[in-house]
Amino acid sequence: MQGASLIYFMIFSLIIVGMYITVRRRWVNPGVAAAVGIVAGTVAMMLTLSSMNSDMMDVQAIFFGFLIGTGFVVAALAVAWYFHSNELREHYMREEYAPVDYVEYDEHEDYISAEST
């Protein structure tokens, strides 16, 4: 890899990691994060392919950049969404099965015994 293609590839990897963390931590709407990640990842991969092989035609770089970029970003998005859904499911399970707070009652105030009547 030449210098420019290596830089574009590093940008591509940072885009994937950034989108993964954004979706996993739900910093923004996952649909927006996915759209921005797919477009930015595709552009970064197109630039990587076009700068890596000067004999490659621009149409080929666009086509394969779209396929490779979209494929990797969608795979990272699926993994992030899977783990995010598991975290949500675990959170709701904990809330649903959480023990009820124990409250001590004073017998004289809350209960009427047979002796007091």
C-alpha atoms as a PDB file:
ATOM      1  CA  MET A   1       0.000   0.000   0.000  1.00  0.00           C
ATOM      2  CA  GLN A   2       1.176   3.468  -0.813  1.00  0.00           C
ATOM      3  CA  GLY A   3       0.985   6.344   1.646  1.00  0.00           C
ATOM      4  CA  ALA A   4      -2.317   7.833   0.503  1.00  0.00           C
ATOM      5  CA  SER A   5      -4.126   4.505   0.319  1.00  0.00           C
ATOM      6  CA  LEU A   6      -2.885   3.607   3.807  1.00  0.00           C
ATOM      7  CA  ILE A   7      -4.218   6.905   5.173  1.00  0.00           C
ATOM      8  CA  TYR A   8      -7.602   6.345   3.489  1.00  0.00           C
ATOM      9  CA  PHE A   9      -7.721   2.808   4.867  1.00  0.00           C
ATOM     10  CA  MET A  10      -6.981   4.073   8.383  1.00  0.00           C
ATOM     11  CA  ILE A  11      -9.795   6.606   7.979  1.00  0.00           C
ATOM     12  CA  PHE A  12     -12.049   3.729   6.874  1.00  0.00           C
ATOM     13  CA  SER A  13     -11.173   1.741   9.994  1.00  0.00           C
ATOM     14  CA  LEU A  14     -11.772   4.763  12.244  1.00  0.00           C
ATOM     15  CA  ILE A  15     -15.171   5.273  10.623  1.00  0.00           C
ATOM     16  CA  ILE A  16     -16.137   1.670  11.367  1.00  0.00           C
ATOM     17  CA  VAL A  17     -14.947   1.864  14.990  1.00  0.00           C
ATOM     18  CA  GLY A  18     -16.643   5.236  15.500  1.00  0.00           C
ATOM     19  CA  MET A  19     -19.923   4.012  14.072  1.00  0.00           C
ATOM     20  CA  TYR A  20     -19.766   0.847  16.200  1.00  0.00           C
ATOM     21  CA  ILE A  21     -19.232   2.816  19.409  1.00  0.00           C
ATOM     22  CA  THR A  22     -21.886   5.378  18.459  1.00  0.00           C
ATOM     23  CA  VAL A  23     -24.518   2.717  17.827  1.00  0.00           C
ATOM     24  CA  ARG A  24     -23.514   0.607  20.822  1.00  0.00           C
ATOM     25  CA  ARG A  25     -23.640   3.532  23.266  1.00  0.00           C
ATOM     26  CA  ARG A  26     -26.597   5.132  21.458  1.00  0.00           C
ATOM     27  CA  TRP A  27     -25.029   8.588  21.362  1.00  0.00           C
ATOM     28  CA  VAL A  28     -27.234   9.506  18.393  1.00  0.00           C
ATOM     29  CA  ASN A  29     -30.121   7.852  16.587  1.00  0.00           C
ATOM     30  CA  PRO A  30     -28.846   4.494  15.223  1.00  0.00           C
ATOM     31  CA  GLY A  31     -30.412   5.185  11.818  1.00  0.00           C
ATOM     32  CA  VAL A  32     -28.462   8.417  11.470  1.00  0.00           C
ATOM     33  CA  ALA A  33     -25.256   6.736  12.653  1.00  0.00           C
ATOM     34  CA  ALA A  34     -25.779   3.906  10.171  1.00  0.00           C
ATOM     35  CA  ALA A  35     -26.445   6.256   7.254  1.00  0.00           C
ATOM     36  CA  VAL A  36     -23.429   8.442   7.988  1.00  0.00           C
ATOM     37  CA  GLY A  37     -21.252   5.371   8.582  1.00  0.00           C
ATOM     38  CA  ILE A  38     -22.276   3.700   5.339  1.00  0.00           C
ATOM     39  CA  VAL A  39     -21.717   6.804   3.227  1.00  0.00           C
ATOM     40  CA  ALA A  40     -18.409   7.739   4.889  1.00  0.00           C
ATOM     41  CA  GLY A  41     -17.142   4.134   4.853  1.00  0.00           C
ATOM     42  CA  THR A  42     -18.039   3.721   1.202  1.00  0.00           C
ATOM     43  CA  VAL A  43     -16.287   6.949   0.228  1.00  0.00           C
ATOM     44  CA  ALA A  44     -13.199   6.023   2.254  1.00  0.00           C
ATOM     45  CA  MET A  45     -13.015   2.590   0.614  1.00  0.00           C
ATOM     46  CA  MET A  46     -13.482   4.106  -2.857  1.00  0.00           C
ATOM     47  CA  LEU A  47     -10.603   6.481  -2.196  1.00  0.00           C
ATOM     48  CA  THR A  48      -8.480   3.622  -0.855  1.00  0.00           C
ATOM     49  CA  LEU A  49      -9.053   1.502  -3.948  1.00  0.00           C
ATOM     50  CA  SER A  50      -8.556   4.320  -6.428  1.00  0.00           C
ATOM     51  CA  SER A  51      -5.290   5.458  -4.811  1.00  0.00           C
ATOM     52  CA  MET A  52      -3.990   1.917  -4.290  1.00  0.00           C
ATOM     53  CA  ASN A  53      -4.180   0.862  -7.933  1.00  0.00           C
ATOM     54  CA  SER A  54      -3.711   3.564 -10.520  1.00  0.00           C
ATOM     55  CA  ASP A  55      -4.637   1.142 -13.336  1.00  0.00           C
ATOM     56  CA  MET A  56      -8.075   0.591 -11.840  1.00  0.00           C
ATOM     57  CA  MET A  57     -10.772   2.557 -13.555  1.00  0.00           C
ATOM     58  CA  ASP A  58     -12.881   4.935 -11.521  1.00  0.00           C
ATOM     59  CA  VAL A  59     -16.019   2.893 -12.225  1.00  0.00           C
ATOM     60  CA  GLN A  60     -14.360  -0.207 -10.779  1.00  0.00           C
ATOM     61  CA  ALA A  61     -13.195   1.703  -7.708  1.00  0.00           C
ATOM     62  CA  ILE A  62     -16.701   3.065  -7.178  1.00  0.00           C
ATOM     63  CA  PHE A  63     -18.346  -0.340  -7.633  1.00  0.00           C
ATOM     64  CA  PHE A  64     -15.964  -2.361  -5.469  1.00  0.00           C
ATOM     65  CA  GLY A  65     -15.590   0.457  -2.970  1.00  0.00           C
ATOM     66  CA  PHE A  66     -19.350   0.496  -2.558  1.00  0.00           C
ATOM     67  CA  LEU A  67     -19.517  -3.292  -2.100  1.00  0.00           C
ATOM     68  CA  ILE A  68     -16.581  -3.604   0.282  1.00  0.00           C
ATOM     69  CA  GLY A  69     -17.298  -0.430   2.237  1.00  0.00           C
ATOM     70  CA  THR A  70     -20.988  -1.149   2.653  1.00  0.00           C
ATOM     71  CA  GLY A  71     -20.328  -4.788   3.541  1.00  0.00           C
ATOM     72  CA  PHE A  72     -17.899  -4.021   6.347  1.00  0.00           C
ATOM     73  CA  VAL A  73     -19.960  -1.165   7.744  1.00  0.00           C
ATOM     74  CA  VAL A  74     -23.187  -3.202   7.714  1.00  0.00           C
ATOM     75  CA  ALA A  75     -21.386  -6.107   9.431  1.00  0.00           C
ATOM     76  CA  ALA A  76     -20.075  -3.776  12.154  1.00  0.00           C
ATOM     77  CA  LEU A  77     -23.545  -2.237  12.473  1.00  0.00           C
ATOM     78  CA  ALA A  78     -25.148  -5.664  12.910  1.00  0.00           C
ATOM     79  CA  VAL A  79     -22.671  -6.632  15.637  1.00  0.00           C
ATOM     80  CA  ALA A  80     -23.139  -3.317  17.451  1.00  0.00           C
ATOM     81  CA  TRP A  81     -26.923  -3.585  17.285  1.00  0.00           C
ATOM     82  CA  TYR A  82     -26.826  -7.188  18.532  1.00  0.00           C
ATOM     83  CA  PHE A  83     -24.805  -6.276  21.617  1.00  0.00           C
ATOM     84  CA  HIS A  84     -26.877  -3.137  22.200  1.00  0.00           C
ATOM     85  CA  SER A  85     -30.092  -5.199  22.102  1.00  0.00           C
ATOM     86  CA  ASN A  86     -28.623  -7.685  24.575  1.00  0.00           C
ATOM     87  CA  GLU A  87     -27.733  -4.866  26.952  1.00  0.00           C
ATOM     88  CA  LEU A  88     -31.270  -3.472  26.735  1.00  0.00           C
ATOM     89  CA  ARG A  89     -32.811  -6.891  27.266  1.00  0.00           C
ATOM     90  CA  GLU A  90     -30.637  -7.471  30.330  1.00  0.00           C
ATOM     91  CA  HIS A  91     -31.522  -4.041  31.703  1.00  0.00           C
ATOM     92  CA  TYR A  92     -35.257  -4.664  31.377  1.00  0.00           C
ATOM     93  CA  MET A  93     -34.949  -8.145  32.871  1.00  0.00           C
ATOM     94  CA  ARG A  94     -33.222  -6.690  35.918  1.00  0.00           C
ATOM     95  CA  GLU A  95     -35.961  -4.099  36.360  1.00  0.00           C
ATOM     96  CA  GLU A  96     -38.718  -6.659  35.947  1.00  0.00           C
ATOM     97  CA  TYR A  97     -37.298  -9.165  38.422  1.00  0.00           C
ATOM     98  CA  ALA A  98     -35.825  -6.713  40.892  1.00  0.00           C
ATOM     99  CA  PRO A  99     -36.717  -7.515  44.484  1.00  0.00           C
ATOM    100  CA  VAL A 100     -39.298  -5.308  46.118  1.00  0.00           C
ATOM    101  CA  ASP A 101     -37.812  -2.998  48.711  1.00  0.00           C
ATOM    102  CA  TYR A 102     -38.236  -4.382  52.193  1.00  0.00           C
ATOM    103  CA  VAL A 103     -40.066  -2.025  54.516  1.00  0.00           C
ATOM    104  CA  GLU A 104     -40.278  -2.671  58.214  1.00  0.00           C
ATOM    105  CA  TYR A 105     -43.648  -2.023  59.791  1.00  0.00           C
ATOM    106  CA  ASP A 106     -44.311  -1.219  63.377  1.00  0.00           C
ATOM    107  CA  GLU A 107     -46.694  -3.852  64.686  1.00  0.00           C
ATOM    108  CA  HIS A 108     -48.579  -1.482  66.931  1.00  0.00           C
ATOM    109  CA  GLU A 109     -49.470   0.968  64.181  1.00  0.00           C
ATOM    110  CA  ASP A 110     -50.112  -1.262  61.202  1.00  0.00           C
ATOM    111  CA  TYR A 111     -51.618  -4.407  62.623  1.00  0.00           C
ATOM    112  CA  ILE A 112     -54.570  -4.828  64.942  1.00  0.00           C
ATOM    113  CA  SER A 113     -54.063  -7.745  67.216  1.00  0.00           C
ATOM    114  CA  ALA A 114     -56.767  -9.704  69.000  1.00  0.00           C
ATOM    115  CA  GLU A 115     -55.567  -8.388  72.337  1.00  0.00           C
ATOM    116  CA  SER A 116     -56.046  -4.726  71.439  1.00  0.00           C
ATOM    117  CA  THR A 117     -59.720  -5.030  70.508  1.00  0.00           C
END
